[in-house]
């Protein structure tokens, strides 16, 4: 009897010690610890979730069909609080140490290659450490992967579309969040009427455009329903209508 009790206690102890290692982490994730917290926006409602983390929470695993975009449908109020909205449901982990900024020296946080794959031509986002600039290091698809056309790097994610499948690694340097919009007069409105593909002229001397205001009910996401050809055309699709301005 005594031996069976000891065996049961040892089994419970082993299960407890192995539990953190079994947490499912999203592609390319680099958690400070194995702990994760689930936070869910039910009915598109705003919700805040407390965490035991000492560092700012980071997105680890998206569980919803709705996108989880940092600053738009999820974010953190303080090191111990994460918020979600607009249907985002995801697991969050304890924060990454942000990569050193180039103006204060240093290189990127060490990280192995991560895969991001557009299956059946669909748009997909893959989380990366916030602020880390990424570069494609190996193309896995027969479709050519061209930055800005079917893959790109945002503040906290890599996105792919139209069949691009590739491996990515840190490129070094700092990829800052978009600065607040200040009207400059260098802006245009572009609309996908009846969900049709449309193009609008963009003066290339203004620099790279960014979306500053979504005007449609349909989602406007770079690489998915809007983009820039790198020359003089902004394109919109799938009902996106938005205002674009120079960086």
Protein backbone atom coordinates (compact mmCIF):
# COMPACT_ATOMS: atom_id res chain seq x y z
CA UNK A 1 0.00 0.00 0.00
CA UNK A 2 2.78 2.39 0.97
CA UNK A 3 4.67 1.70 -2.27
CA UNK A 4 1.55 2.35 -4.38
CA UNK A 5 1.00 5.74 -2.68
CA UNK A 6 4.60 6.73 -3.34
CA UNK A 7 4.24 5.72 -7.02
CA UNK A 8 1.05 7.78 -7.35
CA UNK A 9 2.72 10.86 -5.81
CA UNK A 10 5.71 10.51 -8.13
CA UNK A 11 3.38 10.28 -11.16
CA UNK A 12 1.54 13.46 -10.11
CA UNK A 13 4.87 15.28 -9.58
CA UNK A 14 6.12 14.24 -13.03
CA UNK A 15 2.90 15.45 -14.67
CA UNK A 16 3.14 18.82 -12.92
CA UNK A 17 6.75 19.32 -13.97
CA UNK A 18 6.06 18.44 -17.60
CA UNK A 19 2.91 20.56 -18.01
CA UNK A 20 4.60 23.87 -18.98
CA UNK A 21 6.63 22.15 -21.67
CA UNK A 22 3.43 20.92 -23.31
CA UNK A 23 2.04 24.41 -23.96
CA UNK A 24 1.44 24.90 -27.68
CA UNK A 25 3.52 27.81 -28.97
CA UNK A 26 2.95 29.55 -32.28
CA UNK A 27 5.41 29.42 -35.19
CA UNK A 28 8.60 31.33 -34.49
CA UNK A 29 7.75 31.99 -30.85
CA UNK A 30 10.48 32.61 -28.30
CA UNK A 31 8.81 32.56 -24.87
CA UNK A 32 10.58 33.76 -21.77
CA UNK A 33 8.76 30.97 -19.92
CA UNK A 34 6.45 28.11 -20.86
CA UNK A 35 3.39 29.78 -19.32
CA UNK A 36 0.51 30.90 -21.55
CA UNK A 37 -2.79 32.71 -20.90
CA UNK A 38 -5.93 32.41 -23.01
CA UNK A 39 -7.78 35.67 -23.72
CA UNK A 40 -10.96 35.70 -25.83
CA UNK A 41 -13.08 38.43 -27.43
CA UNK A 42 -16.60 36.96 -27.39
CA UNK A 43 -19.11 38.54 -29.79
CA UNK A 44 -16.40 40.97 -30.97
CA UNK A 45 -16.45 42.59 -27.50
CA UNK A 46 -13.45 44.22 -25.81
CA UNK A 47 -12.01 42.20 -22.93
CA UNK A 48 -9.03 42.50 -20.60
CA UNK A 49 -7.26 39.49 -19.10
CA UNK A 50 -4.81 39.57 -16.21
CA UNK A 51 -1.60 37.52 -16.46
CA UNK A 52 1.15 36.48 -14.05
CA UNK A 53 3.79 37.86 -16.43
CA UNK A 54 6.40 40.44 -15.45
CA UNK A 55 7.17 41.29 -19.09
CA UNK A 56 4.62 42.58 -21.66
CA UNK A 57 2.50 39.72 -23.07
CA UNK A 58 3.15 38.58 -26.65
CA UNK A 59 0.95 36.69 -29.12
CA UNK A 60 1.81 33.00 -29.20
CA UNK A 61 -1.07 31.13 -30.87
CA UNK A 62 -4.13 32.54 -32.72
CA UNK A 63 -7.27 30.45 -32.08
CA UNK A 64 -9.87 32.56 -33.90
CA UNK A 65 -10.78 32.96 -37.56
CA UNK A 66 -10.74 36.73 -36.91
CA UNK A 67 -7.26 38.27 -37.22
CA UNK A 68 -5.30 39.23 -34.12
CA UNK A 69 -3.39 42.38 -35.09
CA UNK A 70 -1.29 44.06 -32.42
CA UNK A 71 -2.60 47.53 -31.66
CA UNK A 72 -5.87 46.87 -33.49
CA UNK A 73 -7.43 43.76 -31.96
CA UNK A 74 -5.02 43.00 -29.13
CA UNK A 75 -2.48 44.78 -26.97
CA UNK A 76 -1.19 45.21 -23.43
CA UNK A 77 -2.04 47.89 -20.88
CA UNK A 78 0.73 46.99 -18.47
CA UNK A 79 3.14 44.07 -18.02
CA UNK A 80 0.39 42.13 -16.24
CA UNK A 81 -2.59 42.87 -18.51
CA UNK A 82 -3.54 41.91 -22.09
CA UNK A 83 -6.64 43.08 -24.01
CA UNK A 84 -8.46 41.64 -27.04
CA UNK A 85 -11.30 42.90 -29.26
CA UNK A 86 -12.99 42.36 -32.66
CA UNK A 87 -13.25 38.58 -32.21
CA UNK A 88 -9.56 37.91 -31.51
CA UNK A 89 -9.06 34.72 -29.47
CA UNK A 90 -5.47 33.76 -28.73
CA UNK A 91 -2.92 32.42 -26.30
CA UNK A 92 -0.37 34.87 -24.96
CA UNK A 93 3.02 34.20 -23.44
CA UNK A 94 5.48 36.11 -21.32
CA UNK A 95 7.17 38.84 -23.34
CA UNK A 96 10.20 38.74 -25.53
CA UNK A 97 13.18 40.91 -24.80
CA UNK A 98 12.86 43.38 -27.72
CA UNK A 99 15.71 43.41 -30.23
CA UNK A 100 18.28 46.14 -29.67
CA UNK A 101 17.57 49.31 -31.64
CA UNK A 102 20.19 50.21 -34.27
CA UNK A 103 20.62 53.72 -32.82
CA UNK A 104 21.85 52.28 -29.51
CA UNK A 105 23.87 49.42 -31.00
CA UNK A 106 23.62 45.67 -30.90
CA UNK A 107 22.20 42.99 -33.17
CA UNK A 108 19.02 40.95 -33.33
CA UNK A 109 17.78 38.53 -30.67
CA UNK A 110 19.03 35.01 -31.55
CA UNK A 111 16.31 33.00 -33.28
CA UNK A 112 16.22 29.90 -35.46
CA UNK A 113 14.53 29.84 -38.88
CA UNK A 114 10.72 30.01 -38.84
CA UNK A 115 8.32 28.93 -41.56
CA UNK A 116 5.36 30.91 -42.83
CA UNK A 117 3.24 29.26 -45.51
CA UNK A 118 0.35 30.40 -47.70
CA UNK A 119 -1.72 27.24 -48.10
CA UNK A 120 -3.99 27.11 -51.19
CA UNK A 121 -3.07 30.71 -51.94
CA UNK A 122 -4.61 32.02 -48.71
CA UNK A 123 -3.34 34.95 -46.67
CA UNK A 124 -1.61 34.05 -43.42
CA UNK A 125 0.19 35.91 -40.64
CA UNK A 126 2.93 34.35 -38.50
CA UNK A 127 3.91 36.02 -35.19
CA UNK A 128 7.50 37.15 -34.63
CA UNK A 129 9.12 38.97 -31.71
CA UNK A 130 7.76 42.51 -31.57
CA UNK A 131 10.00 44.93 -33.44
CA UNK A 132 12.21 42.28 -35.04
CA UNK A 133 13.05 42.89 -38.70
CA UNK A 134 12.84 39.63 -40.69
CA UNK A 135 14.35 38.46 -43.98
CA UNK A 136 13.46 35.53 -46.22
CA UNK A 137 16.33 33.04 -46.16
CA UNK A 138 14.87 30.05 -48.02
CA UNK A 139 11.98 29.78 -50.47
CA UNK A 140 10.00 26.54 -50.08
CA UNK A 141 7.30 27.06 -52.73
CA UNK A 142 7.39 26.86 -56.51
CA UNK A 143 5.70 30.28 -56.39
CA UNK A 144 8.29 33.06 -56.31
CA UNK A 145 8.16 34.98 -53.01
CA UNK A 146 8.56 38.72 -53.61
CA UNK A 147 8.69 41.10 -50.64
CA UNK A 148 5.84 43.61 -50.72
CA UNK A 149 3.88 41.53 -53.22
CA UNK A 150 3.22 38.16 -51.56
CA UNK A 151 5.16 38.46 -48.31
CA UNK A 152 6.05 41.22 -45.89
CA UNK A 153 7.15 42.05 -42.35
CA UNK A 154 5.03 44.08 -39.93
CA UNK A 155 5.90 45.19 -36.41
CA UNK A 156 5.07 41.80 -34.84
CA UNK A 157 4.40 39.40 -37.73
CA UNK A 158 5.42 38.08 -41.15
CA UNK A 159 2.60 37.75 -43.70
CA UNK A 160 2.40 35.59 -46.83
CA UNK A 161 -0.19 35.20 -49.61
CA UNK A 162 -0.74 33.79 -53.13
CA UNK A 163 1.14 30.55 -52.48
CA UNK A 164 4.37 31.92 -51.03
CA UNK A 165 5.96 29.42 -48.62
CA UNK A 166 9.33 30.27 -47.10
CA UNK A 167 11.67 30.29 -44.11
CA UNK A 168 12.51 33.57 -42.39
CA UNK A 169 15.19 34.68 -39.95
CA UNK A 170 16.07 37.93 -38.17
CA UNK A 171 17.76 40.41 -40.49
CA UNK A 172 19.11 42.65 -37.74
CA UNK A 173 17.92 46.15 -36.97
CA UNK A 174 14.73 47.53 -35.56
CA UNK A 175 11.26 47.40 -37.14
CA UNK A 176 9.35 50.13 -35.25
CA UNK A 177 5.55 50.37 -34.94
CA UNK A 178 3.86 52.75 -37.36
CA UNK A 179 4.11 56.37 -36.14
CA UNK A 180 0.93 58.30 -35.40
CA UNK A 181 -0.73 59.81 -38.47
CA UNK A 182 -0.25 63.50 -39.06
CA UNK A 183 -2.03 64.87 -42.17
CA UNK A 184 0.52 66.07 -44.71
CA UNK A 185 -1.61 66.64 -47.81
CA UNK A 186 0.06 63.63 -49.42
CA UNK A 187 -2.86 61.23 -49.17
CA UNK A 188 -5.39 59.54 -51.45
CA UNK A 189 -8.56 57.50 -51.07
CA UNK A 190 -8.85 54.21 -52.94
CA UNK A 191 -11.99 52.07 -53.12
CA UNK A 192 -12.80 48.50 -54.19
CA UNK A 193 -16.40 48.99 -55.35
CA UNK A 194 -18.53 45.83 -55.51
CA UNK A 195 -15.50 43.96 -54.11
CA UNK A 196 -13.68 44.39 -57.45
CA UNK A 197 -9.92 44.77 -57.86
CA UNK A 198 -9.07 48.45 -58.38
CA UNK A 199 -5.86 50.47 -58.67
CA UNK A 200 -5.19 54.10 -57.75
CA UNK A 201 -2.27 56.31 -58.74
CA UNK A 202 0.31 56.95 -56.04
CA UNK A 203 3.11 59.47 -56.48
CA UNK A 204 6.30 57.43 -55.88
CA UNK A 205 8.13 60.58 -54.77
CA UNK A 206 5.99 60.52 -51.62
CA UNK A 207 7.60 57.27 -50.49
CA UNK A 208 5.91 54.05 -49.38
CA UNK A 209 2.17 54.44 -48.64
CA UNK A 210 0.48 53.31 -45.46
CA UNK A 211 -3.18 52.96 -44.63
CA UNK A 212 -4.20 55.66 -42.15
CA UNK A 213 -7.99 55.23 -42.12
CA UNK A 214 -10.26 52.33 -43.08
CA UNK A 215 -13.50 53.67 -44.61
CA UNK A 216 -15.23 50.37 -45.44
CA UNK A 217 -16.96 47.69 -43.40
CA UNK A 218 -14.79 45.14 -45.21
CA UNK A 219 -11.37 44.54 -43.69
CA UNK A 220 -8.37 46.30 -45.25
CA UNK A 221 -5.19 44.31 -44.62
CA UNK A 222 -1.91 44.88 -46.43
CA UNK A 223 -1.04 41.97 -48.69
CA UNK A 224 -4.59 40.64 -48.47
CA UNK A 225 -7.01 43.37 -49.61
CA UNK A 226 -4.61 46.20 -50.41
CA UNK A 227 -1.01 46.64 -51.47
CA UNK A 228 1.53 48.76 -53.32
CA UNK A 229 3.33 47.70 -56.51
CA UNK A 230 6.47 49.60 -55.55
CA UNK A 231 6.15 51.96 -58.49
CA UNK A 232 3.02 54.13 -58.83
CA UNK A 233 -0.06 52.01 -58.07
CA UNK A 234 -1.94 51.19 -54.90
CA UNK A 235 -4.33 48.28 -55.36
CA UNK A 236 -7.44 47.44 -53.32
CA UNK A 237 -9.66 44.36 -53.45
CA UNK A 238 -12.47 42.49 -51.63
CA UNK A 239 -14.43 45.63 -50.76
CA UNK A 240 -11.60 47.53 -49.06
CA UNK A 241 -11.98 51.32 -49.11
CA UNK A 242 -9.39 53.34 -47.26
CA UNK A 243 -7.30 56.48 -47.09
CA UNK A 244 -3.55 56.18 -47.66
CA UNK A 245 -0.80 58.63 -46.79
CA UNK A 246 2.96 58.92 -47.05
CA UNK A 247 5.08 57.52 -44.24
